[in-house]
Amino acid sequence: MNHPTMIGREIVDQIAKIRYDRRLTQCQIGARMGISGPAVAHIESCRRGTKLSTVVRYAEAVGAKLT
């Protein structure tokens, strides 16, 4: 069984790939979320625990669906 942090990392990595594939910058996503580009970079780095609600907002800003 995967550790919960690893599962979260996999989800964030998949959303980041979608962002990259859609040629959206971290600053553009940050503007959609009401945060800075560096804050988006922080979410994508998964250095600290990121709240599920933040990951959901990030996915919505990218236009990704969580299923």
N, C-alpha and C. Protein backbone atom coordinates (compact mmCIF):
# COMPACT_ATOMS: atom_id res chain seq x y z
N MET A 1 0.84 -1.19 0.00
CA MET A 1 0.00 0.00 0.00
C MET A 1 0.88 1.24 0.00
N ASN A 2 0.53 2.21 -0.82
CA ASN A 2 1.28 3.46 -0.90
C ASN A 2 1.03 4.30 0.34
N HIS A 3 2.03 5.05 0.72
CA HIS A 3 1.90 6.01 1.80
C HIS A 3 1.01 7.15 1.31
N PRO A 4 0.13 7.73 2.15
CA PRO A 4 -0.77 8.81 1.71
C PRO A 4 -0.03 9.98 1.07
N THR A 5 1.17 10.31 1.57
CA THR A 5 1.93 11.41 0.99
C THR A 5 2.33 11.09 -0.44
N MET A 6 2.70 9.85 -0.71
CA MET A 6 3.09 9.44 -2.06
C MET A 6 1.91 9.52 -3.01
N ILE A 7 0.73 9.13 -2.54
CA ILE A 7 -0.46 9.21 -3.37
C ILE A 7 -0.73 10.67 -3.72
N GLY A 8 -0.63 11.56 -2.72
CA GLY A 8 -0.83 12.98 -2.95
C GLY A 8 0.18 13.52 -3.94
N ARG A 9 1.41 13.08 -3.82
CA ARG A 9 2.47 13.52 -4.74
C ARG A 9 2.15 13.10 -6.17
N GLU A 10 1.67 11.88 -6.34
CA GLU A 10 1.32 11.37 -7.67
C GLU A 10 0.21 12.21 -8.29
N ILE A 11 -0.78 12.57 -7.50
CA ILE A 11 -1.89 13.39 -8.00
C ILE A 11 -1.40 14.76 -8.42
N VAL A 12 -0.61 15.39 -7.56
CA VAL A 12 -0.09 16.73 -7.87
C VAL A 12 0.80 16.67 -9.11
N ASP A 13 1.61 15.63 -9.23
CA ASP A 13 2.47 15.48 -10.42
C ASP A 13 1.63 15.35 -11.69
N GLN A 14 0.53 14.62 -11.61
CA GLN A 14 -0.34 14.47 -12.78
C GLN A 14 -1.00 15.80 -13.15
N ILE A 15 -1.42 16.55 -12.16
CA ILE A 15 -2.03 17.86 -12.43
C ILE A 15 -0.98 18.80 -13.03
N ALA A 16 0.23 18.77 -12.50
CA ALA A 16 1.30 19.62 -13.02
C ALA A 16 1.61 19.26 -14.48
N LYS A 17 1.56 17.97 -14.81
CA LYS A 17 1.78 17.55 -16.20
C LYS A 17 0.69 18.09 -17.11
N ILE A 18 -0.54 18.07 -16.64
CA ILE A 18 -1.65 18.63 -17.43
C ILE A 18 -1.43 20.12 -17.63
N ARG A 19 -1.02 20.81 -16.56
CA ARG A 19 -0.73 22.25 -16.67
C ARG A 19 0.33 22.50 -17.73
N TYR A 20 1.40 21.72 -17.66
CA TYR A 20 2.49 21.87 -18.62
C TYR A 20 2.02 21.57 -20.04
N ASP A 21 1.28 20.49 -20.21
CA ASP A 21 0.77 20.10 -21.54
C ASP A 21 -0.15 21.18 -22.13
N ARG A 22 -0.87 21.88 -21.26
CA ARG A 22 -1.77 22.94 -21.72
C ARG A 22 -1.06 24.28 -21.85
N ARG A 23 0.24 24.26 -21.58
CA ARG A 23 1.10 25.45 -21.70
C ARG A 23 0.63 26.60 -20.81
N LEU A 24 0.21 26.23 -19.62
CA LEU A 24 -0.19 27.22 -18.63
C LEU A 24 0.98 27.44 -17.68
N THR A 25 1.26 28.69 -17.36
CA THR A 25 2.35 28.99 -16.44
C THR A 25 1.85 28.91 -14.99
N GLN A 26 2.81 28.81 -14.10
CA GLN A 26 2.46 28.83 -12.68
C GLN A 26 1.83 30.16 -12.31
N CYS A 27 2.27 31.24 -12.93
CA CYS A 27 1.68 32.56 -12.66
C CYS A 27 0.23 32.62 -13.13
N GLN A 28 -0.06 32.04 -14.28
CA GLN A 28 -1.43 32.01 -14.77
C GLN A 28 -2.34 31.21 -13.83
N ILE A 29 -1.85 30.08 -13.38
CA ILE A 29 -2.64 29.26 -12.45
C ILE A 29 -2.80 29.99 -11.13
N GLY A 30 -1.73 30.62 -10.67
CA GLY A 30 -1.80 31.40 -9.44
C GLY A 30 -2.86 32.50 -9.52
N ALA A 31 -2.92 33.19 -10.65
CA ALA A 31 -3.92 34.24 -10.83
C ALA A 31 -5.33 33.66 -10.75
N ARG A 32 -5.52 32.49 -11.31
CA ARG A 32 -6.83 31.83 -11.26
C ARG A 32 -7.20 31.42 -9.83
N MET A 33 -6.17 31.10 -9.04
CA MET A 33 -6.39 30.64 -7.67
C MET A 33 -6.37 31.78 -6.66
N GLY A 34 -5.91 32.95 -7.08
CA GLY A 34 -5.77 34.07 -6.16
C GLY A 34 -4.53 33.98 -5.31
N ILE A 35 -3.48 33.31 -5.84
CA ILE A 35 -2.20 33.18 -5.14
C ILE A 35 -1.09 33.53 -6.13
N SER A 36 0.14 33.55 -5.65
CA SER A 36 1.27 33.89 -6.52
C SER A 36 1.77 32.67 -7.29
N GLY A 37 2.54 32.95 -8.34
CA GLY A 37 3.18 31.87 -9.09
C GLY A 37 4.10 31.03 -8.22
N PRO A 38 4.92 31.68 -7.36
CA PRO A 38 5.77 30.89 -6.48
C PRO A 38 4.97 30.00 -5.50
N ALA A 39 3.78 30.43 -5.13
CA ALA A 39 2.94 29.59 -4.28
C ALA A 39 2.49 28.34 -5.03
N VAL A 40 2.24 28.48 -6.34
CA VAL A 40 1.89 27.32 -7.16
C VAL A 40 3.10 26.38 -7.23
N ALA A 41 4.28 26.95 -7.40
CA ALA A 41 5.51 26.14 -7.41
C ALA A 41 5.64 25.36 -6.11
N HIS A 42 5.28 26.00 -5.02
CA HIS A 42 5.34 25.34 -3.70
C HIS A 42 4.36 24.16 -3.65
N ILE A 43 3.17 24.34 -4.19
CA ILE A 43 2.18 23.25 -4.23
C ILE A 43 2.76 22.10 -5.05
N GLU A 44 3.32 22.42 -6.21
CA GLU A 44 3.85 21.39 -7.10
C GLU A 44 5.06 20.67 -6.52
N SER A 45 5.80 21.32 -5.65
CA SER A 45 6.99 20.69 -5.07
C SER A 45 6.64 19.70 -3.96
N CYS A 46 5.46 19.84 -3.39
CA CYS A 46 5.01 18.95 -2.30
C CYS A 46 6.02 18.89 -1.16
N ARG A 47 6.68 20.00 -0.87
CA ARG A 47 7.66 20.01 0.22
C ARG A 47 6.99 19.87 1.58
N ARG A 48 5.85 20.47 1.73
CA ARG A 48 5.09 20.36 2.98
C ARG A 48 3.76 19.75 2.65
N GLY A 49 3.07 19.31 3.66
CA GLY A 49 1.74 18.78 3.44
C GLY A 49 0.83 19.83 2.84
N THR A 50 0.19 19.49 1.76
CA THR A 50 -0.74 20.40 1.10
C THR A 50 -2.15 19.90 1.38
N LYS A 51 -3.01 20.81 1.77
CA LYS A 51 -4.39 20.44 2.08
C LYS A 51 -5.09 19.91 0.83
N LEU A 52 -5.98 18.97 1.03
CA LEU A 52 -6.76 18.42 -0.07
C LEU A 52 -7.54 19.53 -0.77
N SER A 53 -8.08 20.47 -0.01
CA SER A 53 -8.85 21.56 -0.61
C SER A 53 -7.99 22.40 -1.54
N THR A 54 -6.70 22.55 -1.23
CA THR A 54 -5.79 23.30 -2.09
C THR A 54 -5.53 22.53 -3.38
N VAL A 55 -5.35 21.22 -3.27
CA VAL A 55 -5.13 20.39 -4.46
C VAL A 55 -6.37 20.43 -5.36
N VAL A 56 -7.55 20.43 -4.77
CA VAL A 56 -8.78 20.52 -5.55
C VAL A 56 -8.84 21.86 -6.28
N ARG A 57 -8.53 22.96 -5.58
CA ARG A 57 -8.51 24.28 -6.21
C ARG A 57 -7.48 24.35 -7.33
N TYR A 58 -6.33 23.74 -7.11
CA TYR A 58 -5.26 23.69 -8.12
C TYR A 58 -5.75 22.93 -9.36
N ALA A 59 -6.37 21.79 -9.15
CA ALA A 59 -6.91 21.01 -10.27
C ALA A 59 -7.96 21.81 -11.05
N GLU A 60 -8.83 22.48 -10.33
CA GLU A 60 -9.87 23.29 -10.98
C GLU A 60 -9.25 24.42 -11.80
N ALA A 61 -8.22 25.06 -11.27
CA ALA A 61 -7.55 26.15 -11.98
C ALA A 61 -6.87 25.67 -13.26
N VAL A 62 -6.37 24.44 -13.22
CA VAL A 62 -5.72 23.85 -14.38
C VAL A 62 -6.77 23.35 -15.39
N GLY A 63 -7.95 23.02 -14.87
CA GLY A 63 -9.00 22.45 -15.72
C GLY A 63 -8.94 20.94 -15.72
N ALA A 64 -8.32 20.38 -14.69
CA ALA A 64 -8.22 18.92 -14.56
C ALA A 64 -9.36 18.42 -13.70
N LYS A 65 -9.80 17.20 -13.98
CA LYS A 65 -10.86 16.58 -13.19
C LYS A 65 -10.25 15.53 -12.27
N LEU A 66 -10.63 15.58 -11.02
CA LEU A 66 -10.20 14.56 -10.07
C LEU A 66 -11.28 13.48 -10.03
N THR A 67 -10.89 12.28 -10.37
CA THR A 67 -11.86 11.17 -10.35
C THR A 67 -11.35 10.02 -9.54
